[in-house]
């Protein structure tokens, strides 16, 4: 998938229609990189926002994953 080529992307989910959730390996605001990628590839962005995972949830996910 093309969106996987954006720097620091961990996972891309297509939730419905043209709605994508892009997960990054950094807490850095990556919206500018997503915008630049869309522009460079002739794509249009109708909405773009950043949603952070609470640190507690992130810790649980990371520690649970390492136990598997």
N, C-alpha and C. Protein backbone atom coordinates (compact mmCIF):
# COMPACT_ATOMS: atom_id res chain seq x y z
N UNK A 1 0.84 -1.18 0.00
CA UNK A 1 0.00 0.00 0.00
C UNK A 1 0.89 1.24 0.00
N UNK A 2 0.49 2.25 -0.74
CA UNK A 2 1.30 3.45 -0.91
C UNK A 2 1.58 4.18 0.40
N UNK A 3 0.60 4.23 1.29
CA UNK A 3 0.77 4.97 2.54
C UNK A 3 1.87 4.38 3.43
N UNK A 4 2.20 3.12 3.24
CA UNK A 4 3.27 2.48 4.01
C UNK A 4 4.63 3.09 3.69
N UNK A 5 4.73 3.82 2.58
CA UNK A 5 6.00 4.43 2.18
C UNK A 5 6.33 5.70 2.95
N UNK A 6 5.36 6.24 3.69
CA UNK A 6 5.61 7.45 4.48
C UNK A 6 6.58 7.09 5.61
N UNK A 7 7.53 7.98 5.85
CA UNK A 7 8.55 7.76 6.88
C UNK A 7 7.92 7.47 8.24
N UNK A 8 8.42 6.47 8.93
CA UNK A 8 8.05 6.08 10.29
C UNK A 8 6.64 5.49 10.42
N UNK A 9 6.05 5.00 9.34
CA UNK A 9 4.73 4.37 9.41
C UNK A 9 4.88 2.95 9.95
N UNK A 10 4.08 2.61 10.96
CA UNK A 10 4.03 1.26 11.51
C UNK A 10 2.93 0.44 10.88
N UNK A 11 1.75 1.07 10.75
CA UNK A 11 0.58 0.34 10.29
C UNK A 11 -0.40 1.30 9.64
N UNK A 12 -1.12 0.82 8.61
CA UNK A 12 -2.17 1.59 7.95
C UNK A 12 -3.43 0.75 7.95
N UNK A 13 -4.54 1.34 8.41
CA UNK A 13 -5.83 0.65 8.40
C UNK A 13 -6.82 1.45 7.57
N UNK A 14 -7.55 0.78 6.70
CA UNK A 14 -8.63 1.40 5.93
C UNK A 14 -9.92 1.03 6.64
N UNK A 15 -10.45 1.96 7.46
CA UNK A 15 -11.61 1.63 8.29
C UNK A 15 -12.90 1.57 7.50
N UNK A 16 -13.12 2.49 6.58
CA UNK A 16 -14.33 2.49 5.74
C UNK A 16 -14.11 3.46 4.58
N UNK A 17 -14.52 3.05 3.39
CA UNK A 17 -14.40 3.94 2.23
C UNK A 17 -13.00 4.48 2.05
N UNK A 18 -12.91 5.80 2.08
CA UNK A 18 -11.61 6.45 1.91
C UNK A 18 -11.05 6.97 3.24
N UNK A 19 -11.43 6.34 4.33
CA UNK A 19 -10.94 6.73 5.66
C UNK A 19 -9.80 5.80 6.05
N UNK A 20 -8.65 6.40 6.33
CA UNK A 20 -7.46 5.63 6.70
C UNK A 20 -6.95 6.08 8.06
N UNK A 21 -6.52 5.13 8.85
CA UNK A 21 -5.84 5.40 10.12
C UNK A 21 -4.39 5.01 9.91
N UNK A 22 -3.49 5.96 10.13
CA UNK A 22 -2.06 5.72 9.93
C UNK A 22 -1.38 5.78 11.29
N UNK A 23 -0.68 4.72 11.64
CA UNK A 23 0.01 4.63 12.93
C UNK A 23 1.51 4.77 12.69
N UNK A 24 2.14 5.61 13.51
CA UNK A 24 3.56 5.91 13.35
C UNK A 24 4.37 5.37 14.53
N UNK A 25 5.66 5.18 14.29
CA UNK A 25 6.57 4.69 15.32
C UNK A 25 7.15 5.83 16.15
N UNK A 26 6.55 7.01 16.07
CA UNK A 26 7.02 8.18 16.79
C UNK A 26 5.83 8.97 17.32
N UNK A 27 6.05 9.74 18.37
CA UNK A 27 5.00 10.61 18.89
C UNK A 27 5.08 11.99 18.24
N UNK A 28 6.03 12.17 17.36
CA UNK A 28 6.21 13.41 16.60
C UNK A 28 4.96 13.67 15.74
N UNK A 29 4.60 14.93 15.55
CA UNK A 29 3.46 15.29 14.70
C UNK A 29 3.85 15.03 13.24
N UNK A 30 3.23 14.05 12.62
CA UNK A 30 3.60 13.63 11.27
C UNK A 30 2.65 14.16 10.20
N UNK A 31 1.73 15.07 10.57
CA UNK A 31 0.75 15.56 9.60
C UNK A 31 1.39 16.25 8.40
N UNK A 32 2.46 16.98 8.59
CA UNK A 32 3.13 17.64 7.47
C UNK A 32 3.69 16.61 6.49
N UNK A 33 4.24 15.52 7.02
CA UNK A 33 4.78 14.46 6.15
C UNK A 33 3.65 13.79 5.36
N UNK A 34 2.50 13.58 6.01
CA UNK A 34 1.36 12.98 5.32
C UNK A 34 0.86 13.92 4.23
N UNK A 35 0.76 15.21 4.55
CA UNK A 35 0.34 16.20 3.57
C UNK A 35 1.29 16.22 2.37
N UNK A 36 2.59 16.27 2.64
CA UNK A 36 3.58 16.29 1.56
C UNK A 36 3.48 15.04 0.70
N UNK A 37 3.30 13.89 1.32
CA UNK A 37 3.15 12.64 0.59
C UNK A 37 1.94 12.69 -0.33
N UNK A 38 0.82 13.18 0.20
CA UNK A 38 -0.41 13.27 -0.59
C UNK A 38 -0.20 14.21 -1.78
N UNK A 39 0.39 15.37 -1.54
CA UNK A 39 0.64 16.34 -2.60
C UNK A 39 1.56 15.74 -3.68
N UNK A 40 2.63 15.11 -3.25
CA UNK A 40 3.60 14.55 -4.19
C UNK A 40 3.03 13.41 -5.03
N UNK A 41 1.97 12.76 -4.52
CA UNK A 41 1.37 11.63 -5.22
C UNK A 41 0.00 11.95 -5.82
N UNK A 42 -0.33 13.24 -5.89
CA UNK A 42 -1.58 13.66 -6.52
C UNK A 42 -2.83 13.24 -5.75
N UNK A 43 -2.71 13.08 -4.44
CA UNK A 43 -3.84 12.68 -3.61
C UNK A 43 -4.44 13.91 -2.93
N UNK A 44 -5.72 13.82 -2.57
CA UNK A 44 -6.38 14.92 -1.87
C UNK A 44 -6.72 14.48 -0.45
N UNK A 45 -6.49 15.37 0.49
CA UNK A 45 -6.83 15.12 1.89
C UNK A 45 -8.04 15.97 2.24
N UNK A 46 -9.11 15.33 2.71
CA UNK A 46 -10.31 16.06 3.10
C UNK A 46 -10.30 16.38 4.60
N UNK A 47 -9.72 15.52 5.39
CA UNK A 47 -9.55 15.75 6.83
C UNK A 47 -8.23 15.13 7.27
N UNK A 48 -7.58 15.79 8.20
CA UNK A 48 -6.33 15.26 8.73
C UNK A 48 -6.19 15.74 10.17
N UNK A 49 -6.09 14.80 11.09
CA UNK A 49 -5.89 15.19 12.47
C UNK A 49 -5.03 14.16 13.19
N UNK A 50 -4.46 14.61 14.28
CA UNK A 50 -3.57 13.77 15.08
C UNK A 50 -4.32 13.27 16.30
N UNK A 51 -4.22 11.99 16.56
CA UNK A 51 -4.83 11.39 17.74
C UNK A 51 -3.74 10.61 18.46
N UNK A 52 -3.44 10.98 19.68
CA UNK A 52 -2.38 10.33 20.44
C UNK A 52 -2.95 9.21 21.31
N UNK A 53 -2.22 8.13 21.40
CA UNK A 53 -2.57 7.04 22.30
C UNK A 53 -2.09 7.41 23.70
N UNK A 54 -2.97 7.29 24.71
CA UNK A 54 -2.52 7.57 26.08
C UNK A 54 -1.33 6.68 26.45
N UNK A 55 -0.40 7.22 27.20
CA UNK A 55 0.82 6.48 27.55
C UNK A 55 0.51 5.18 28.28
N UNK A 56 -0.51 5.18 29.13
CA UNK A 56 -0.85 3.96 29.86
C UNK A 56 -1.26 2.85 28.88
N UNK A 57 -2.09 3.18 27.91
CA UNK A 57 -2.53 2.19 26.92
C UNK A 57 -1.34 1.70 26.10
N UNK A 58 -0.47 2.64 25.71
CA UNK A 58 0.72 2.29 24.95
C UNK A 58 1.62 1.34 25.74
N UNK A 59 1.81 1.62 27.03
CA UNK A 59 2.62 0.77 27.89
C UNK A 59 2.03 -0.65 27.96
N UNK A 60 0.73 -0.74 28.14
CA UNK A 60 0.06 -2.04 28.22
C UNK A 60 0.24 -2.81 26.92
N UNK A 61 0.05 -2.12 25.78
CA UNK A 61 0.22 -2.78 24.48
C UNK A 61 1.64 -3.29 24.30
N UNK A 62 2.62 -2.48 24.67
CA UNK A 62 4.02 -2.86 24.49
C UNK A 62 4.42 -4.01 25.40
N UNK A 63 3.99 -3.97 26.65
CA UNK A 63 4.39 -5.02 27.58
C UNK A 63 3.63 -6.32 27.31
N UNK A 64 2.39 -6.22 26.89
CA UNK A 64 1.62 -7.42 26.54
C UNK A 64 2.20 -8.07 25.30
N UNK A 65 2.58 -7.25 24.33
CA UNK A 65 3.15 -7.76 23.08
C UNK A 65 4.46 -8.49 23.33
N UNK A 66 5.27 -7.98 24.26
CA UNK A 66 6.57 -8.61 24.51
C UNK A 66 6.43 -9.95 25.25
N UNK A 67 5.29 -10.19 25.89
CA UNK A 67 5.07 -11.44 26.60
C UNK A 67 4.68 -12.58 25.67
N UNK A 68 4.25 -12.25 24.46
CA UNK A 68 3.79 -13.28 23.51
C UNK A 68 4.93 -14.05 22.91
